[in-house]
Amino acid sequence: MKNLELTNLGVQEMSRTEMKTIDGGGLLGDFISGTLTVVATAASAIVGDTVTYAKKQIGTVLTAIFSL
C-alpha cells in the first residue's frame, strides 16, 4: 500500500493552537449566530423595558397608598 503525501496536494499541517483558533463558520453558521444575537438583544430590551415600567407602576401605587 502506498503512502499518500498530502503536502504534494497543497495540504498544510496545523499546530494545536491553530486548530483551536480556526472558526469553521459558513453561511448557515453566520445566519444562526446573527439571528441569535438579534433575538437576544431584543429579549434583553423587552425585559429591561418591562422591569422599568413595573418599577414605575409599583412606585405610583405605593405613593398613592401611603399618601392616604
PDB file of N, CA and C in Angstrom:
ATOM      1  N   MET A   1       0.841  -1.173   0.000  1.00  0.00           N
ATOM      2  CA  MET A   1       0.000   0.000   0.000  1.00  0.00           C
ATOM      3  C   MET A   1       0.889   1.240   0.000  1.00  0.00           C
ATOM      4  N   LYS A   2       0.502   2.207  -0.790  1.00  0.00           N
ATOM      5  CA  LYS A   2       1.296   3.424  -0.914  1.00  0.00           C
ATOM      6  C   LYS A   2       0.905   4.434   0.154  1.00  0.00           C
ATOM      7  N   ASN A   3       1.882   5.209   0.591  1.00  0.00           N
ATOM      8  CA  ASN A   3       1.613   6.340   1.486  1.00  0.00           C
ATOM      9  C   ASN A   3       1.207   7.537   0.644  1.00  0.00           C
ATOM     10  N   LEU A   4       0.185   8.213   1.090  1.00  0.00           N
ATOM     11  CA  LEU A   4      -0.279   9.398   0.373  1.00  0.00           C
ATOM     12  C   LEU A   4       0.357  10.624   0.998  1.00  0.00           C
ATOM     13  N   GLU A   5       1.134  11.345   0.231  1.00  0.00           N
ATOM     14  CA  GLU A   5       1.779  12.569   0.704  1.00  0.00           C
ATOM     15  C   GLU A   5       0.848  13.741   0.444  1.00  0.00           C
ATOM     16  N   LEU A   6       0.230  14.239   1.499  1.00  0.00           N
ATOM     17  CA  LEU A   6      -0.719  15.342   1.340  1.00  0.00           C
ATOM     18  C   LEU A   6      -0.034  16.661   1.045  1.00  0.00           C
ATOM     19  N   THR A   7       1.233  16.775   1.427  1.00  0.00           N
ATOM     20  CA  THR A   7       1.943  18.033   1.156  1.00  0.00           C
ATOM     21  C   THR A   7       2.083  18.255  -0.346  1.00  0.00           C
ATOM     22  N   ASN A   8       2.093  17.186  -1.123  1.00  0.00           N
ATOM     23  CA  ASN A   8       2.166  17.330  -2.579  1.00  0.00           C
ATOM     24  C   ASN A   8       0.854  17.879  -3.144  1.00  0.00           C
ATOM     25  N   LEU A   9      -0.219  17.779  -2.370  1.00  0.00           N
ATOM     26  CA  LEU A   9      -1.529  18.257  -2.816  1.00  0.00           C
ATOM     27  C   LEU A   9      -1.866  19.635  -2.250  1.00  0.00           C
ATOM     28  N   GLY A  10      -0.908  20.272  -1.592  1.00  0.00           N
ATOM     29  CA  GLY A  10      -1.119  21.609  -1.058  1.00  0.00           C
ATOM     30  C   GLY A  10      -1.731  21.636   0.329  1.00  0.00           C
ATOM     31  N   VAL A  11      -1.770  20.506   1.025  1.00  0.00           N
ATOM     32  CA  VAL A  11      -2.327  20.445   2.366  1.00  0.00           C
ATOM     33  C   VAL A  11      -1.226  20.804   3.357  1.00  0.00           C
ATOM     34  N   GLN A  12      -1.541  21.672   4.311  1.00  0.00           N
ATOM     35  CA  GLN A  12      -0.559  22.078   5.306  1.00  0.00           C
ATOM     36  C   GLN A  12      -0.967  21.551   6.676  1.00  0.00           C
ATOM     37  N   GLU A  13       0.016  21.217   7.475  1.00  0.00           N
ATOM     38  CA  GLU A  13      -0.263  20.780   8.844  1.00  0.00           C
ATOM     39  C   GLU A  13      -0.576  21.992   9.707  1.00  0.00           C
ATOM     40  N   MET A  14      -1.387  21.755  10.731  1.00  0.00           N
ATOM     41  CA  MET A  14      -1.744  22.832  11.651  1.00  0.00           C
ATOM     42  C   MET A  14      -1.300  22.459  13.055  1.00  0.00           C
ATOM     43  N   SER A  15      -0.869  23.467  13.794  1.00  0.00           N
ATOM     44  CA  SER A  15      -0.491  23.240  15.179  1.00  0.00           C
ATOM     45  C   SER A  15      -1.757  23.187  16.028  1.00  0.00           C
ATOM     46  N   ARG A  16      -1.615  22.779  17.288  1.00  0.00           N
ATOM     47  CA  ARG A  16      -2.774  22.740  18.186  1.00  0.00           C
ATOM     48  C   ARG A  16      -3.391  24.119  18.361  1.00  0.00           C
ATOM     49  N   THR A  17      -2.555  25.130  18.452  1.00  0.00           N
ATOM     50  CA  THR A  17      -3.051  26.497  18.629  1.00  0.00           C
ATOM     51  C   THR A  17      -3.882  26.920  17.426  1.00  0.00           C
ATOM     52  N   GLU A  18      -3.401  26.631  16.228  1.00  0.00           N
ATOM     53  CA  GLU A  18      -4.152  26.984  15.023  1.00  0.00           C
ATOM     54  C   GLU A  18      -5.476  26.239  14.965  1.00  0.00           C
ATOM     55  N   MET A  19      -5.479  24.984  15.364  1.00  0.00           N
ATOM     56  CA  MET A  19      -6.700  24.193  15.312  1.00  0.00           C
ATOM     57  C   MET A  19      -7.743  24.717  16.287  1.00  0.00           C
ATOM     58  N   LYS A  20      -7.302  25.284  17.422  1.00  0.00           N
ATOM     59  CA  LYS A  20      -8.235  25.824  18.410  1.00  0.00           C
ATOM     60  C   LYS A  20      -8.790  27.171  17.976  1.00  0.00           C
ATOM     61  N   THR A  21      -8.002  27.956  17.232  1.00  0.00           N
ATOM     62  CA  THR A  21      -8.423  29.311  16.900  1.00  0.00           C
ATOM     63  C   THR A  21      -9.152  29.412  15.571  1.00  0.00           C
ATOM     64  N   ILE A  22      -9.123  28.385  14.756  1.00  0.00           N
ATOM     65  CA  ILE A  22      -9.819  28.428  13.467  1.00  0.00           C
ATOM     66  C   ILE A  22     -11.312  28.336  13.729  1.00  0.00           C
ATOM     67  N   ASP A  23     -12.054  29.289  13.191  1.00  0.00           N
ATOM     68  CA  ASP A  23     -13.503  29.279  13.325  1.00  0.00           C
ATOM     69  C   ASP A  23     -14.063  28.761  12.020  1.00  0.00           C
ATOM     70  N   GLY A  24     -14.720  27.645  12.093  1.00  0.00           N
ATOM     71  CA  GLY A  24     -15.194  26.994  10.883  1.00  0.00           C
ATOM     72  C   GLY A  24     -16.449  27.602  10.326  1.00  0.00           C
ATOM     73  N   GLY A  25     -16.995  28.617  10.620  1.00  0.00           N
ATOM     74  CA  GLY A  25     -18.205  29.267  10.163  1.00  0.00           C
ATOM     75  C   GLY A  25     -18.734  28.837   8.812  1.00  0.00           C
ATOM     76  N   GLY A  26     -19.478  29.606   8.226  1.00  0.00           N
ATOM     77  CA  GLY A  26     -20.109  29.342   6.954  1.00  0.00           C
ATOM     78  C   GLY A  26     -21.410  30.108   6.907  1.00  0.00           C
ATOM     79  N   LEU A  27     -22.102  29.988   5.805  1.00  0.00           N
ATOM     80  CA  LEU A  27     -23.331  30.751   5.607  1.00  0.00           C
ATOM     81  C   LEU A  27     -24.384  30.417   6.653  1.00  0.00           C
ATOM     82  N   LEU A  28     -24.621  29.133   6.883  1.00  0.00           N
ATOM     83  CA  LEU A  28     -25.646  28.741   7.854  1.00  0.00           C
ATOM     84  C   LEU A  28     -25.235  29.130   9.272  1.00  0.00           C
ATOM     85  N   GLY A  29     -23.983  28.909   9.637  1.00  0.00           N
ATOM     86  CA  GLY A  29     -23.498  29.276  10.966  1.00  0.00           C
ATOM     87  C   GLY A  29     -23.589  30.772  11.214  1.00  0.00           C
ATOM     88  N   ASP A  30     -23.236  31.564  10.212  1.00  0.00           N
ATOM     89  CA  ASP A  30     -23.317  33.022  10.339  1.00  0.00           C
ATOM     90  C   ASP A  30     -24.764  33.469  10.483  1.00  0.00           C
ATOM     91  N   PHE A  31     -25.669  32.843   9.727  1.00  0.00           N
ATOM     92  CA  PHE A  31     -27.085  33.191   9.804  1.00  0.00           C
ATOM     93  C   PHE A  31     -27.642  32.885  11.184  1.00  0.00           C
ATOM     94  N   ILE A  32     -27.323  31.697  11.689  1.00  0.00           N
ATOM     95  CA  ILE A  32     -27.837  31.290  13.003  1.00  0.00           C
ATOM     96  C   ILE A  32     -27.280  32.184  14.102  1.00  0.00           C
ATOM     97  N   SER A  33     -25.979  32.440  14.086  1.00  0.00           N
ATOM     98  CA  SER A  33     -25.390  33.277  15.138  1.00  0.00           C
ATOM     99  C   SER A  33     -25.909  34.710  15.049  1.00  0.00           C
ATOM    100  N   GLY A  34     -26.109  35.223  13.842  1.00  0.00           N
ATOM    101  CA  GLY A  34     -26.663  36.563  13.686  1.00  0.00           C
ATOM    102  C   GLY A  34     -28.089  36.643  14.190  1.00  0.00           C
ATOM    103  N   THR A  35     -28.873  35.613  13.892  1.00  0.00           N
ATOM    104  CA  THR A  35     -30.260  35.576  14.347  1.00  0.00           C
ATOM    105  C   THR A  35     -30.320  35.498  15.864  1.00  0.00           C
ATOM    106  N   LEU A  36     -29.483  34.666  16.456  1.00  0.00           N
ATOM    107  CA  LEU A  36     -29.468  34.545  17.908  1.00  0.00           C
ATOM    108  C   LEU A  36     -29.061  35.859  18.570  1.00  0.00           C
ATOM    109  N   THR A  37     -28.137  36.567  17.964  1.00  0.00           N
ATOM    110  CA  THR A  37     -27.714  37.862  18.504  1.00  0.00           C
ATOM    111  C   THR A  37     -28.866  38.860  18.490  1.00  0.00           C
ATOM    112  N   VAL A  38     -29.604  38.893  17.383  1.00  0.00           N
ATOM    113  CA  VAL A  38     -30.743  39.813  17.271  1.00  0.00           C
ATOM    114  C   VAL A  38     -31.820  39.452  18.287  1.00  0.00           C
ATOM    115  N   VAL A  39     -32.120  38.156  18.417  1.00  0.00           N
ATOM    116  CA  VAL A  39     -33.151  37.716  19.357  1.00  0.00           C
ATOM    117  C   VAL A  39     -32.735  38.032  20.793  1.00  0.00           C
ATOM    118  N   ALA A  40     -31.486  37.784  21.136  1.00  0.00           N
ATOM    119  CA  ALA A  40     -31.011  38.053  22.496  1.00  0.00           C
ATOM    120  C   ALA A  40     -31.058  39.547  22.805  1.00  0.00           C
ATOM    121  N   THR A  41     -30.677  40.371  21.846  1.00  0.00           N
ATOM    122  CA  THR A  41     -30.723  41.820  22.041  1.00  0.00           C
ATOM    123  C   THR A  41     -32.152  42.306  22.224  1.00  0.00           C
ATOM    124  N   ALA A  42     -33.058  41.796  21.396  1.00  0.00           N
ATOM    125  CA  ALA A  42     -34.464  42.198  21.505  1.00  0.00           C
ATOM    126  C   ALA A  42     -35.060  41.740  22.835  1.00  0.00           C
ATOM    127  N   ALA A  43     -34.764  40.513  23.231  1.00  0.00           N
ATOM    128  CA  ALA A  43     -35.289  39.996  24.504  1.00  0.00           C
ATOM    129  C   ALA A  43     -34.764  40.820  25.672  1.00  0.00           C
ATOM    130  N   SER A  44     -33.507  41.182  25.628  1.00  0.00           N
ATOM    131  CA  SER A  44     -32.915  41.995  26.682  1.00  0.00           C
ATOM    132  C   SER A  44     -33.595  43.359  26.761  1.00  0.00           C
ATOM    133  N   ALA A  45     -33.861  43.964  25.617  1.00  0.00           N
ATOM    134  CA  ALA A  45     -34.525  45.266  25.598  1.00  0.00           C
ATOM    135  C   ALA A  45     -35.949  45.159  26.138  1.00  0.00           C
ATOM    136  N   ILE A  46     -36.662  44.110  25.754  1.00  0.00           N
ATOM    137  CA  ILE A  46     -38.041  43.929  26.221  1.00  0.00           C
ATOM    138  C   ILE A  46     -38.081  43.724  27.731  1.00  0.00           C
ATOM    139  N   VAL A  47     -37.200  42.880  28.236  1.00  0.00           N
ATOM    140  CA  VAL A  47     -37.158  42.629  29.684  1.00  0.00           C
ATOM    141  C   VAL A  47     -36.792  43.906  30.424  1.00  0.00           C
ATOM    142  N   GLY A  48     -35.810  44.633  29.922  1.00  0.00           N
ATOM    143  CA  GLY A  48     -35.400  45.888  30.562  1.00  0.00           C
ATOM    144  C   GLY A  48     -36.532  46.905  30.609  1.00  0.00           C
ATOM    145  N   ASP A  49     -37.247  47.042  29.473  1.00  0.00           N
ATOM    146  CA  ASP A  49     -38.372  47.981  29.434  1.00  0.00           C
ATOM    147  C   ASP A  49     -39.494  47.549  30.379  1.00  0.00           C
ATOM    148  N   THR A  50     -39.753  46.253  30.434  1.00  0.00           N
ATOM    149  CA  THR A  50     -40.809  45.735  31.307  1.00  0.00           C
ATOM    150  C   THR A  50     -40.478  45.983  32.778  1.00  0.00           C
ATOM    151  N   VAL A  51     -39.236  45.763  33.149  1.00  0.00           N
ATOM    152  CA  VAL A  51     -38.819  45.990  34.536  1.00  0.00           C
ATOM    153  C   VAL A  51     -38.926  47.474  34.884  1.00  0.00           C
ATOM    154  N   THR A  52     -38.501  48.330  33.995  1.00  0.00           N
ATOM    155  CA  THR A  52     -38.597  49.772  34.228  1.00  0.00           C
ATOM    156  C   THR A  52     -40.058  50.195  34.393  1.00  0.00           C
ATOM    157  N   TYR A  53     -40.930  49.701  33.526  1.00  0.00           N
ATOM    158  CA  TYR A  53     -42.356  50.018  33.615  1.00  0.00           C
ATOM    159  C   TYR A  53     -42.942  49.524  34.936  1.00  0.00           C
ATOM    160  N   ALA A  54     -42.595  48.279  35.317  1.00  0.00           N
ATOM    161  CA  ALA A  54     -43.121  47.713  36.567  1.00  0.00           C
ATOM    162  C   ALA A  54     -42.670  48.532  37.779  1.00  0.00           C
ATOM    163  N   LYS A  55     -41.409  48.960  37.783  1.00  0.00           N
ATOM    164  CA  LYS A  55     -40.909  49.780  38.888  1.00  0.00           C
ATOM    165  C   LYS A  55     -41.688  51.083  38.998  1.00  0.00           C
ATOM    166  N   LYS A  56     -41.963  51.724  37.867  1.00  0.00           N
ATOM    167  CA  LYS A  56     -42.715  52.985  37.891  1.00  0.00           C
ATOM    168  C   LYS A  56     -44.128  52.759  38.401  1.00  0.00           C
ATOM    169  N   GLN A  57     -44.760  51.683  37.951  1.00  0.00           N
ATOM    170  CA  GLN A  57     -46.135  51.401  38.375  1.00  0.00           C
ATOM    171  C   GLN A  57     -46.198  51.080  39.866  1.00  0.00           C
ATOM    172  N   ILE A  58     -45.260  50.291  40.341  1.00  0.00           N
ATOM    173  CA  ILE A  58     -45.223  49.957  41.774  1.00  0.00           C
ATOM    174  C   ILE A  58     -44.979  51.215  42.598  1.00  0.00           C
ATOM    175  N   GLY A  59     -44.084  52.060  42.128  1.00  0.00           N
ATOM    176  CA  GLY A  59     -43.825  53.328  42.814  1.00  0.00           C
ATOM    177  C   GLY A  59     -45.062  54.197  42.885  1.00  0.00           C
ATOM    178  N   THR A  60     -45.799  54.272  41.774  1.00  0.00           N
ATOM    179  CA  THR A  60     -47.029  55.068  41.749  1.00  0.00           C
ATOM    180  C   THR A  60     -48.073  54.508  42.712  1.00  0.00           C
ATOM    181  N   VAL A  61     -48.240  53.194  42.708  1.00  0.00           N
ATOM    182  CA  VAL A  61     -49.222  52.554  43.600  1.00  0.00           C
ATOM    183  C   VAL A  61     -48.831  52.764  45.049  1.00  0.00           C
ATOM    184  N   LEU A  62     -47.563  52.557  45.392  1.00  0.00           N
ATOM    185  CA  LEU A  62     -47.115  52.728  46.773  1.00  0.00           C
ATOM    186  C   LEU A  62     -47.260  54.185  47.219  1.00  0.00           C
ATOM    187  N   THR A  63     -46.969  55.113  46.342  1.00  0.00           N
ATOM    188  CA  THR A  63     -47.138  56.534  46.660  1.00  0.00           C
ATOM    189  C   THR A  63     -48.606  56.835  46.950  1.00  0.00           C
ATOM    190  N   ALA A  64     -49.494  56.279  46.135  1.00  0.00           N
ATOM    191  CA  ALA A  64     -50.918  56.510  46.330  1.00  0.00           C
ATOM    192  C   ALA A  64     -51.404  55.892  47.631  1.00  0.00           C
ATOM    193  N   ILE A  65     -50.915  54.710  47.972  1.00  0.00           N
ATOM    194  CA  ILE A  65     -51.326  54.024  49.204  1.00  0.00           C
ATOM    195  C   ILE A  65     -50.841  54.782  50.429  1.00  0.00           C
ATOM    196  N   PHE A  66     -49.588  55.198  50.437  1.00  0.00           N
ATOM    197  CA  PHE A  66     -49.025  55.841  51.630  1.00  0.00           C
ATOM    198  C   PHE A  66     -49.413  57.317  51.766  1.00  0.00           C
ATOM    199  N   SER A  67     -50.004  57.890  50.724  1.00  0.00           N
ATOM    200  CA  SER A  67     -50.428  59.284  50.832  1.00  0.00           C
ATOM    201  C   SER A  67     -51.816  59.407  51.419  1.00  0.00           C
ATOM    202  N   LEU A  68     -52.490  58.281  51.647  1.00  0.00           N
ATOM    203  CA  LEU A  68     -53.846  58.319  52.220  1.00  0.00           C
ATOM    204  C   LEU A  68     -53.830  58.646  53.671  1.00  0.00           C
TER     205      LEU A  68
END
